[in-house]
C-alpha atoms as a PDB file:
ATOM      1  CA  MET A   1     126.695  89.117 111.550  1.00  0.00           C
ATOM      2  CA  ASN A   2     125.861  89.681 115.211  1.00  0.00           C
ATOM      3  CA  SER A   3     124.912  93.007 116.702  1.00  0.00           C
ATOM      4  CA  ARG A   4     128.340  93.614 118.288  1.00  0.00           C
ATOM      5  CA  THR A   5     130.034  93.560 114.893  1.00  0.00           C
ATOM      6  CA  LYS A   6     127.396  95.876 113.480  1.00  0.00           C
ATOM      7  CA  ILE A   7     127.950  98.354 116.304  1.00  0.00           C
ATOM      8  CA  LEU A   8     131.722  98.096 115.821  1.00  0.00           C
ATOM      9  CA  HIS A   9     131.496  98.758 112.089  1.00  0.00           C
ATOM     10  CA  ALA A  10     129.059 101.649 112.580  1.00  0.00           C
ATOM     11  CA  SER A  11     131.144 103.329 115.276  1.00  0.00           C
ATOM     12  CA  ARG A  12     134.346 102.797 113.306  1.00  0.00           C
ATOM     13  CA  TRP A  13     132.776 104.263 110.163  1.00  0.00           C
ATOM     14  CA  ALA A  14     131.220 107.255 111.949  1.00  0.00           C
ATOM     15  CA  GLY A  15     134.411 107.899 113.918  1.00  0.00           C
ATOM     16  CA  GLY A  16     136.580 107.589 110.823  1.00  0.00           C
ATOM     17  CA  MET A  17     134.489 109.971 108.746  1.00  0.00           C
ATOM     18  CA  THR A  18     134.352 112.515 111.565  1.00  0.00           C
ATOM     19  CA  LEU A  19     138.092 112.170 112.133  1.00  0.00           C
ATOM     20  CA  LEU A  20     138.797 112.714 108.450  1.00  0.00           C
ATOM     21  CA  ALA A  21     136.556 115.791 108.319  1.00  0.00           C
ATOM     22  CA  GLY A  22     138.072 117.119 111.547  1.00  0.00           C
ATOM     23  CA  MET A  23     141.606 116.698 110.240  1.00  0.00           C
ATOM     24  CA  MET A  24     140.751 118.503 107.017  1.00  0.00           C
ATOM     25  CA  ILE A  25     139.081 121.365 108.906  1.00  0.00           C
ATOM     26  CA  PHE A  26     142.007 121.554 111.334  1.00  0.00           C
ATOM     27  CA  LEU A  27     144.589 121.644 108.542  1.00  0.00           C
ATOM     28  CA  TYR A  28     142.587 124.279 106.681  1.00  0.00           C
ATOM     29  CA  GLY A  29     142.514 126.399 109.846  1.00  0.00           C
ATOM     30  CA  ILE A  30     146.260 126.020 110.369  1.00  0.00           C
ATOM     31  CA  ILE A  31     147.155 126.793 106.744  1.00  0.00           C
ATOM     32  CA  SER A  32     144.807 129.786 106.382  1.00  0.00           C
ATOM     33  CA  ASP A  33     145.635 131.026 109.927  1.00  0.00           C
ATOM     34  CA  VAL A  34     141.987 131.198 111.042  1.00  0.00           C
ATOM     35  CA  MET A  35     141.855 130.319 114.746  1.00  0.00           C
ATOM     36  CA  PRO A  36     138.089 129.613 115.088  1.00  0.00           C
ATOM     37  CA  VAL A  37     138.237 127.102 112.236  1.00  0.00           C
ATOM     38  CA  THR A  38     141.231 125.445 113.912  1.00  0.00           C
ATOM     39  CA  GLY A  39     139.194 125.092 117.113  1.00  0.00           C
ATOM     40  CA  ILE A  40     136.290 123.563 115.212  1.00  0.00           C
ATOM     41  CA  GLY A  41     138.703 121.055 113.661  1.00  0.00           C
ATOM     42  CA  ILE A  42     140.075 120.105 117.074  1.00  0.00           C
ATOM     43  CA  GLY A  43     136.520 119.683 118.356  1.00  0.00           C
ATOM     44  CA  ALA A  44     135.639 117.428 115.445  1.00  0.00           C
ATOM     45  CA  ILE A  45     138.716 115.275 116.089  1.00  0.00           C
ATOM     46  CA  VAL A  46     137.787 114.912 119.763  1.00  0.00           C
ATOM     47  CA  GLY A  47     134.214 114.113 118.691  1.00  0.00           C
ATOM     48  CA  ALA A  48     135.497 111.336 116.454  1.00  0.00           C
ATOM     49  CA  VAL A  49     137.377 109.810 119.353  1.00  0.00           C
ATOM     50  CA  MET A  50     134.221 110.021 121.471  1.00  0.00           C
ATOM     51  CA  PHE A  51     132.180 108.305 118.717  1.00  0.00           C
ATOM     52  CA  PHE A  52     134.603 105.413 118.698  1.00  0.00           C
ATOM     53  CA  LEU A  53     134.851 105.138 122.491  1.00  0.00           C
ATOM     54  CA  MET A  54     131.070 105.166 122.883  1.00  0.00           C
ATOM     55  CA  GLY A  55     130.841 102.353 120.335  1.00  0.00           C
ATOM     56  CA  MET A  56     133.384 100.350 122.314  1.00  0.00           C
ATOM     57  CA  PHE A  57     131.446 101.074 125.512  1.00  0.00           C
ATOM     58  CA  PHE A  58     128.213  99.797 123.930  1.00  0.00           C
ATOM     59  CA  ILE A  59     129.959  96.619 122.785  1.00  0.00           C
ATOM     60  CA  ALA A  60     131.485  95.997 126.217  1.00  0.00           C
ATOM     61  CA  THR A  61     128.150  96.639 127.933  1.00  0.00           C
ATOM     62  CA  GLU A  62     126.329  94.236 125.645  1.00  0.00           C
ATOM     63  CA  GLU A  63     129.001  91.598 126.207  1.00  0.00           C
ATOM     64  CA  MET A  64     128.759  91.956 129.992  1.00  0.00           C
ATOM     65  CA  ILE A  65     124.961  91.779 129.980  1.00  0.00           C
ATOM     66  CA  GLU A  66     125.055  88.677 127.784  1.00  0.00           C
ATOM     67  CA  ASN A  67     127.584  86.862 129.969  1.00  0.00           C
ATOM     68  CA  THR A  68     126.114  87.555 133.420  1.00  0.00           C
ATOM     69  CA  ASP A  69     124.337  84.826 135.339  1.00  0.00           C
ATOM     70  CA  LYS A  70     120.660  85.572 135.560  1.00  0.00           C
ATOM     71  CA  GLY A  71     118.032  84.228 137.881  1.00  0.00           C
ATOM     72  CA  ILE A  72     120.089  83.885 141.072  1.00  0.00           C
ATOM     73  CA  GLU A  73     118.404  85.853 143.819  1.00  0.00           C
ATOM     74  CA  ILE A  74     120.688  87.114 146.569  1.00  0.00           C
ATOM     75  CA  THR A  75     118.973  88.261 149.749  1.00  0.00           C
ATOM     76  CA  PRO A  76     121.003  89.807 152.580  1.00  0.00           C
ATOM     77  CA  ILE A  77     120.192  88.795 156.158  1.00  0.00           C
ATOM     78  CA  LYS A  78     121.205  90.882 159.161  1.00  0.00           C
ATOM     79  CA  PRO A  79     122.224  88.762 162.154  1.00  0.00           C
ATOM     80  CA  LYS A  80     122.378  90.067 165.735  1.00  0.00           C
ATOM     81  CA  ASN A  81     126.060  91.090 165.590  1.00  0.00           C
ATOM     82  CA  GLY A  82     125.353  93.692 162.872  1.00  0.00           C
ATOM     83  CA  LEU A  83     127.256  92.049 159.993  1.00  0.00           C
ATOM     84  CA  TYR A  84     125.495  91.249 156.758  1.00  0.00           C
ATOM     85  CA  LEU A  85     125.577  87.733 155.374  1.00  0.00           C
ATOM     86  CA  VAL A  86     124.502  86.666 151.908  1.00  0.00           C
ATOM     87  CA  LYS A  87     122.025  83.828 151.691  1.00  0.00           C
ATOM     88  CA  ARG A  88     121.874  82.018 148.363  1.00  0.00           C
END
C-alpha cells in the first residue's frame, strides 16, 4: 500500500469520525435547544470537512512532486531589448 492510499484512508477515517461526532453534537444542540452546543456541532462538522480537504491536498501535492521533471536547470538571460528569454 503506497503512502497516498495511507493518507487517503487516514484523512477519510479522521474526517468521518469528526463528522459523526459533529452531527451528534449538532443534533443534541438542536433537540435540547442549547445554542452554544449547536455552534460547537457546526464547528466540528466544518472541521471534518477541513480534515478531508487537507488530506486531499496532501495527496495532490505528493502526486505533483512525484510527477515533475527534476534536474532541468532553467536560467533566464536578459538581452539588450529588455525581454527575458529562457535558455535550456
